[in-house]
Amino acid sequence: MDEGTIEWEKASDFCFHPLGAEVAFMLCNDADLHFASADSALHLELGDRISSSGIKVYDSGRLI
């Protein structure tokens, strides 16, 4: 962000895929984090862990 790679409220997003994990993340230009996985168990576990830390987690626009 300091280098201007990600511009909040602009048009750039930063996508990354951890090696060895069936999950993808995107730091969105609207200052939120998106994640997706075809592995439903991984998707659910990651969502639960994030939400248990007090961060709001949405699944297809619905708060979980």
PDB file of N, CA and C in Angstrom:
ATOM      1  N   MET A   1       0.830  -1.195   0.000  1.00  0.00           N
ATOM      2  CA  MET A   1       0.000   0.000   0.000  1.00  0.00           C
ATOM      3  C   MET A   1       0.867   1.248   0.000  1.00  0.00           C
ATOM      4  N   ASP A   2       1.945   1.213   0.758  1.00  0.00           N
ATOM      5  CA  ASP A   2       2.815   2.382   0.809  1.00  0.00           C
ATOM      6  C   ASP A   2       3.444   2.682  -0.546  1.00  0.00           C
ATOM      7  N   GLU A   3       3.623   1.644  -1.338  1.00  0.00           N
ATOM      8  CA  GLU A   3       4.217   1.830  -2.654  1.00  0.00           C
ATOM      9  C   GLU A   3       3.183   2.174  -3.724  1.00  0.00           C
ATOM     10  N   GLY A   4       1.917   2.231  -3.326  1.00  0.00           N
ATOM     11  CA  GLY A   4       0.877   2.577  -4.283  1.00  0.00           C
ATOM     12  C   GLY A   4       0.360   1.408  -5.105  1.00  0.00           C
ATOM     13  N   THR A   5       0.727   0.184  -4.695  1.00  0.00           N
ATOM     14  CA  THR A   5       0.264  -0.985  -5.423  1.00  0.00           C
ATOM     15  C   THR A   5      -1.229  -1.198  -5.232  1.00  0.00           C
ATOM     16  N   ILE A   6      -1.700  -1.024  -3.997  1.00  0.00           N
ATOM     17  CA  ILE A   6      -3.125  -1.139  -3.695  1.00  0.00           C
ATOM     18  C   ILE A   6      -3.649   0.262  -3.410  1.00  0.00           C
ATOM     19  N   GLU A   7      -4.658   0.636  -4.133  1.00  0.00           N
ATOM     20  CA  GLU A   7      -5.242   1.972  -3.969  1.00  0.00           C
ATOM     21  C   GLU A   7      -6.657   1.816  -3.430  1.00  0.00           C
ATOM     22  N   TRP A   8      -6.845   2.091  -2.134  1.00  0.00           N
ATOM     23  CA  TRP A   8      -8.186   1.983  -1.558  1.00  0.00           C
ATOM     24  C   TRP A   8      -9.117   2.956  -2.265  1.00  0.00           C
ATOM     25  N   GLU A   9     -10.357   2.539  -2.415  1.00  0.00           N
ATOM     26  CA  GLU A   9     -11.392   3.345  -3.081  1.00  0.00           C
ATOM     27  C   GLU A   9     -11.051   3.598  -4.549  1.00  0.00           C
ATOM     28  N   LYS A  10     -10.187   2.801  -5.099  1.00  0.00           N
ATOM     29  CA  LYS A  10      -9.835   2.942  -6.519  1.00  0.00           C
ATOM     30  C   LYS A  10     -10.228   1.664  -7.241  1.00  0.00           C
ATOM     31  N   ALA A  11      -9.418   1.209  -8.136  1.00  0.00           N
ATOM     32  CA  ALA A  11      -9.775   0.058  -8.952  1.00  0.00           C
ATOM     33  C   ALA A  11      -8.818  -1.117  -8.815  1.00  0.00           C
ATOM     34  N   SER A  12      -7.892  -1.099  -7.861  1.00  0.00           N
ATOM     35  CA  SER A  12      -6.937  -2.202  -7.768  1.00  0.00           C
ATOM     36  C   SER A  12      -7.293  -3.140  -6.626  1.00  0.00           C
ATOM     37  N   ASP A  13      -7.136  -4.426  -6.877  1.00  0.00           N
ATOM     38  CA  ASP A  13      -7.315  -5.464  -5.873  1.00  0.00           C
ATOM     39  C   ASP A  13      -6.021  -6.274  -5.825  1.00  0.00           C
ATOM     40  N   PHE A  14      -5.764  -6.916  -4.696  1.00  0.00           N
ATOM     41  CA  PHE A  14      -4.580  -7.753  -4.556  1.00  0.00           C
ATOM     42  C   PHE A  14      -5.039  -9.168  -4.259  1.00  0.00           C
ATOM     43  N   CYS A  15      -4.771 -10.092  -5.170  1.00  0.00           N
ATOM     44  CA  CYS A  15      -5.186 -11.484  -5.012  1.00  0.00           C
ATOM     45  C   CYS A  15      -3.978 -12.355  -4.673  1.00  0.00           C
ATOM     46  N   PHE A  16      -4.173 -13.312  -3.771  1.00  0.00           N
ATOM     47  CA  PHE A  16      -3.098 -14.246  -3.468  1.00  0.00           C
ATOM     48  C   PHE A  16      -3.672 -15.608  -3.119  1.00  0.00           C
ATOM     49  N   HIS A  17      -2.873 -16.633  -3.409  1.00  0.00           N
ATOM     50  CA  HIS A  17      -3.264 -18.025  -3.225  1.00  0.00           C
ATOM     51  C   HIS A  17      -2.141 -18.741  -2.476  1.00  0.00           C
ATOM     52  N   PRO A  18      -2.334 -19.082  -1.191  1.00  0.00           N
ATOM     53  CA  PRO A  18      -1.289 -19.782  -0.447  1.00  0.00           C
ATOM     54  C   PRO A  18      -0.972 -21.136  -1.088  1.00  0.00           C
ATOM     55  N   LEU A  19       0.298 -21.453  -1.204  1.00  0.00           N
ATOM     56  CA  LEU A  19       0.712 -22.732  -1.766  1.00  0.00           C
ATOM     57  C   LEU A  19       0.268 -23.872  -0.859  1.00  0.00           C
ATOM     58  N   GLY A  20      -0.262 -24.905  -1.442  1.00  0.00           N
ATOM     59  CA  GLY A  20      -0.655 -26.075  -0.682  1.00  0.00           C
ATOM     60  C   GLY A  20      -2.005 -25.980  -0.007  1.00  0.00           C
ATOM     61  N   ALA A  21      -2.706 -24.891  -0.178  1.00  0.00           N
ATOM     62  CA  ALA A  21      -4.034 -24.718   0.423  1.00  0.00           C
ATOM     63  C   ALA A  21      -5.040 -24.430  -0.688  1.00  0.00           C
ATOM     64  N   GLU A  22      -6.202 -25.017  -0.566  1.00  0.00           N
ATOM     65  CA  GLU A  22      -7.222 -24.809  -1.586  1.00  0.00           C
ATOM     66  C   GLU A  22      -8.101 -23.620  -1.201  1.00  0.00           C
ATOM     67  N   VAL A  23      -7.457 -22.456  -1.150  1.00  0.00           N
ATOM     68  CA  VAL A  23      -8.166 -21.235  -0.784  1.00  0.00           C
ATOM     69  C   VAL A  23      -7.515 -20.057  -1.522  1.00  0.00           C
ATOM     70  N   ALA A  24      -8.312 -19.072  -1.807  1.00  0.00           N
ATOM     71  CA  ALA A  24      -7.820 -17.856  -2.463  1.00  0.00           C
ATOM     72  C   ALA A  24      -8.301 -16.659  -1.654  1.00  0.00           C
ATOM     73  N   PHE A  25      -7.456 -15.647  -1.585  1.00  0.00           N
ATOM     74  CA  PHE A  25      -7.786 -14.421  -0.864  1.00  0.00           C
ATOM     75  C   PHE A  25      -7.672 -13.229  -1.797  1.00  0.00           C
ATOM     76  N   MET A  26      -8.459 -12.204  -1.512  1.00  0.00           N
ATOM     77  CA  MET A  26      -8.354 -10.964  -2.259  1.00  0.00           C
ATOM     78  C   MET A  26      -8.507  -9.795  -1.288  1.00  0.00           C
ATOM     79  N   LEU A  27      -7.497  -8.928  -1.242  1.00  0.00           N
ATOM     80  CA  LEU A  27      -7.633  -7.660  -0.530  1.00  0.00           C
ATOM     81  C   LEU A  27      -8.316  -6.725  -1.509  1.00  0.00           C
ATOM     82  N   CYS A  28      -9.518  -6.368  -1.195  1.00  0.00           N
ATOM     83  CA  CYS A  28     -10.364  -5.603  -2.107  1.00  0.00           C
ATOM     84  C   CYS A  28     -10.072  -4.107  -1.991  1.00  0.00           C
ATOM     85  N   ASN A  29     -10.280  -3.403  -3.068  1.00  0.00           N
ATOM     86  CA  ASN A  29     -10.045  -1.959  -3.065  1.00  0.00           C
ATOM     87  C   ASN A  29     -11.006  -1.214  -2.146  1.00  0.00           C
ATOM     88  N   ASP A  30     -12.041  -1.888  -1.654  1.00  0.00           N
ATOM     89  CA  ASP A  30     -12.970  -1.271  -0.700  1.00  0.00           C
ATOM     90  C   ASP A  30     -12.539  -1.524   0.739  1.00  0.00           C
ATOM     91  N   ALA A  31     -11.302  -1.995   0.934  1.00  0.00           N
ATOM     92  CA  ALA A  31     -10.689  -2.221   2.250  1.00  0.00           C
ATOM     93  C   ALA A  31     -11.295  -3.408   2.989  1.00  0.00           C
ATOM     94  N   ASP A  32     -11.701  -4.434   2.243  1.00  0.00           N
ATOM     95  CA  ASP A  32     -12.145  -5.655   2.891  1.00  0.00           C
ATOM     96  C   ASP A  32     -11.423  -6.852   2.287  1.00  0.00           C
ATOM     97  N   LEU A  33     -11.536  -7.986   2.967  1.00  0.00           N
ATOM     98  CA  LEU A  33     -10.854  -9.202   2.562  1.00  0.00           C
ATOM     99  C   LEU A  33     -11.892 -10.208   2.074  1.00  0.00           C
ATOM    100  N   HIS A  34     -11.666 -10.772   0.916  1.00  0.00           N
ATOM    101  CA  HIS A  34     -12.533 -11.815   0.376  1.00  0.00           C
ATOM    102  C   HIS A  34     -11.743 -13.116   0.385  1.00  0.00           C
ATOM    103  N   PHE A  35     -12.430 -14.237   0.660  1.00  0.00           N
ATOM    104  CA  PHE A  35     -11.762 -15.524   0.497  1.00  0.00           C
ATOM    105  C   PHE A  35     -12.750 -16.511  -0.091  1.00  0.00           C
ATOM    106  N   ALA A  36     -12.210 -17.471  -0.812  1.00  0.00           N
ATOM    107  CA  ALA A  36     -13.041 -18.474  -1.462  1.00  0.00           C
ATOM    108  C   ALA A  36     -12.310 -19.802  -1.446  1.00  0.00           C
ATOM    109  N   SER A  37     -13.097 -20.869  -1.375  1.00  0.00           N
ATOM    110  CA  SER A  37     -12.530 -22.206  -1.434  1.00  0.00           C
ATOM    111  C   SER A  37     -13.607 -23.166  -1.920  1.00  0.00           C
ATOM    112  N   ALA A  38     -13.208 -24.087  -2.790  1.00  0.00           N
ATOM    113  CA  ALA A  38     -14.118 -25.137  -3.234  1.00  0.00           C
ATOM    114  C   ALA A  38     -14.282 -26.197  -2.148  1.00  0.00           C
ATOM    115  N   ASP A  39     -13.359 -26.211  -1.177  1.00  0.00           N
ATOM    116  CA  ASP A  39     -13.409 -27.138  -0.054  1.00  0.00           C
ATOM    117  C   ASP A  39     -14.358 -26.563   0.991  1.00  0.00           C
ATOM    118  N   SER A  40     -15.570 -27.093   1.064  1.00  0.00           N
ATOM    119  CA  SER A  40     -16.586 -26.503   1.950  1.00  0.00           C
ATOM    120  C   SER A  40     -16.191 -26.578   3.421  1.00  0.00           C
ATOM    121  N   ALA A  41     -15.486 -27.636   3.835  1.00  0.00           N
ATOM    122  CA  ALA A  41     -15.055 -27.743   5.230  1.00  0.00           C
ATOM    123  C   ALA A  41     -14.024 -26.664   5.557  1.00  0.00           C
ATOM    124  N   LEU A  42     -13.073 -26.447   4.648  1.00  0.00           N
ATOM    125  CA  LEU A  42     -12.073 -25.400   4.843  1.00  0.00           C
ATOM    126  C   LEU A  42     -12.738 -24.027   4.871  1.00  0.00           C
ATOM    127  N   HIS A  43     -13.669 -23.808   3.979  1.00  0.00           N
ATOM    128  CA  HIS A  43     -14.395 -22.532   3.907  1.00  0.00           C
ATOM    129  C   HIS A  43     -15.114 -22.263   5.222  1.00  0.00           C
ATOM    130  N   LEU A  44     -15.805 -23.262   5.742  1.00  0.00           N
ATOM    131  CA  LEU A  44     -16.550 -23.117   6.993  1.00  0.00           C
ATOM    132  C   LEU A  44     -15.608 -22.903   8.178  1.00  0.00           C
ATOM    133  N   GLU A  45     -14.539 -23.703   8.263  1.00  0.00           N
ATOM    134  CA  GLU A  45     -13.598 -23.571   9.385  1.00  0.00           C
ATOM    135  C   GLU A  45     -12.911 -22.211   9.389  1.00  0.00           C
ATOM    136  N   LEU A  46     -12.472 -21.766   8.239  1.00  0.00           N
ATOM    137  CA  LEU A  46     -11.814 -20.464   8.147  1.00  0.00           C
ATOM    138  C   LEU A  46     -12.790 -19.347   8.508  1.00  0.00           C
ATOM    139  N   GLY A  47     -14.015 -19.427   8.019  1.00  0.00           N
ATOM    140  CA  GLY A  47     -15.028 -18.434   8.365  1.00  0.00           C
ATOM    141  C   GLY A  47     -15.305 -18.395   9.852  1.00  0.00           C
ATOM    142  N   ASP A  48     -15.398 -19.576  10.475  1.00  0.00           N
ATOM    143  CA  ASP A  48     -15.644 -19.648  11.923  1.00  0.00           C
ATOM    144  C   ASP A  48     -14.483 -19.060  12.719  1.00  0.00           C
ATOM    145  N   ARG A  49     -13.263 -19.378  12.316  1.00  0.00           N
ATOM    146  CA  ARG A  49     -12.090 -18.856  13.036  1.00  0.00           C
ATOM    147  C   ARG A  49     -11.999 -17.337  12.932  1.00  0.00           C
ATOM    148  N   ILE A  50     -12.256 -16.825  11.757  1.00  0.00           N
ATOM    149  CA  ILE A  50     -12.196 -15.369  11.574  1.00  0.00           C
ATOM    150  C   ILE A  50     -13.304 -14.689  12.367  1.00  0.00           C
ATOM    151  N   SER A  51     -14.527 -15.213  12.295  1.00  0.00           N
ATOM    152  CA  SER A  51     -15.638 -14.577  13.003  1.00  0.00           C
ATOM    153  C   SER A  51     -15.486 -14.694  14.519  1.00  0.00           C
ATOM    154  N   SER A  52     -14.840 -15.770  15.013  1.00  0.00           N
ATOM    155  CA  SER A  52     -14.649 -15.907  16.459  1.00  0.00           C
ATOM    156  C   SER A  52     -13.680 -14.867  17.006  1.00  0.00           C
ATOM    157  N   SER A  53     -12.904 -14.243  16.121  1.00  0.00           N
ATOM    158  CA  SER A  53     -11.991 -13.192  16.569  1.00  0.00           C
ATOM    159  C   SER A  53     -12.672 -11.823  16.596  1.00  0.00           C
ATOM    160  N   GLY A  54     -13.954 -11.795  16.258  1.00  0.00           N
ATOM    161  CA  GLY A  54     -14.706 -10.548  16.311  1.00  0.00           C
ATOM    162  C   GLY A  54     -14.846  -9.843  14.971  1.00  0.00           C
ATOM    163  N   ILE A  55     -14.301 -10.442  13.926  1.00  0.00           N
ATOM    164  CA  ILE A  55     -14.400  -9.844  12.590  1.00  0.00           C
ATOM    165  C   ILE A  55     -15.673 -10.340  11.928  1.00  0.00           C
ATOM    166  N   LYS A  56     -16.406  -9.448  11.303  1.00  0.00           N
ATOM    167  CA  LYS A  56     -17.631  -9.838  10.615  1.00  0.00           C
ATOM    168  C   LYS A  56     -17.279 -10.633   9.363  1.00  0.00           C
ATOM    169  N   VAL A  57     -17.940 -11.773   9.198  1.00  0.00           N
ATOM    170  CA  VAL A  57     -17.720 -12.645   8.049  1.00  0.00           C
ATOM    171  C   VAL A  57     -19.058 -12.821   7.333  1.00  0.00           C
ATOM    172  N   TYR A  58     -19.017 -12.643   6.038  1.00  0.00           N
ATOM    173  CA  TYR A  58     -20.210 -12.784   5.216  1.00  0.00           C
ATOM    174  C   TYR A  58     -20.025 -13.925   4.231  1.00  0.00           C
ATOM    175  N   ASP A  59     -21.081 -14.642   3.962  1.00  0.00           N
ATOM    176  CA  ASP A  59     -21.092 -15.668   2.934  1.00  0.00           C
ATOM    177  C   ASP A  59     -22.148 -15.268   1.918  1.00  0.00           C
ATOM    178  N   SER A  60     -21.706 -14.906   0.747  1.00  0.00           N
ATOM    179  CA  SER A  60     -22.605 -14.442  -0.314  1.00  0.00           C
ATOM    180  C   SER A  60     -23.512 -13.314   0.171  1.00  0.00           C
ATOM    181  N   GLY A  61     -22.937 -12.399   0.927  1.00  0.00           N
ATOM    182  CA  GLY A  61     -23.671 -11.225   1.387  1.00  0.00           C
ATOM    183  C   GLY A  61     -24.422 -11.407   2.687  1.00  0.00           C
ATOM    184  N   ARG A  62     -24.445 -12.631   3.231  1.00  0.00           N
ATOM    185  CA  ARG A  62     -25.145 -12.901   4.490  1.00  0.00           C
ATOM    186  C   ARG A  62     -24.143 -13.017   5.629  1.00  0.00           C
ATOM    187  N   LEU A  63     -24.387 -12.329   6.735  1.00  0.00           N
ATOM    188  CA  LEU A  63     -23.516 -12.391   7.902  1.00  0.00           C
ATOM    189  C   LEU A  63     -23.618 -13.784   8.523  1.00  0.00           C
ATOM    190  N   ILE A  64     -22.449 -14.394   8.796  1.00  0.00           N
ATOM    191  CA  ILE A  64     -22.477 -15.720   9.438  1.00  0.00           C
ATOM    192  C   ILE A  64     -21.884 -15.618  10.831  1.00  0.00           C
TER     193      ILE A  64
END
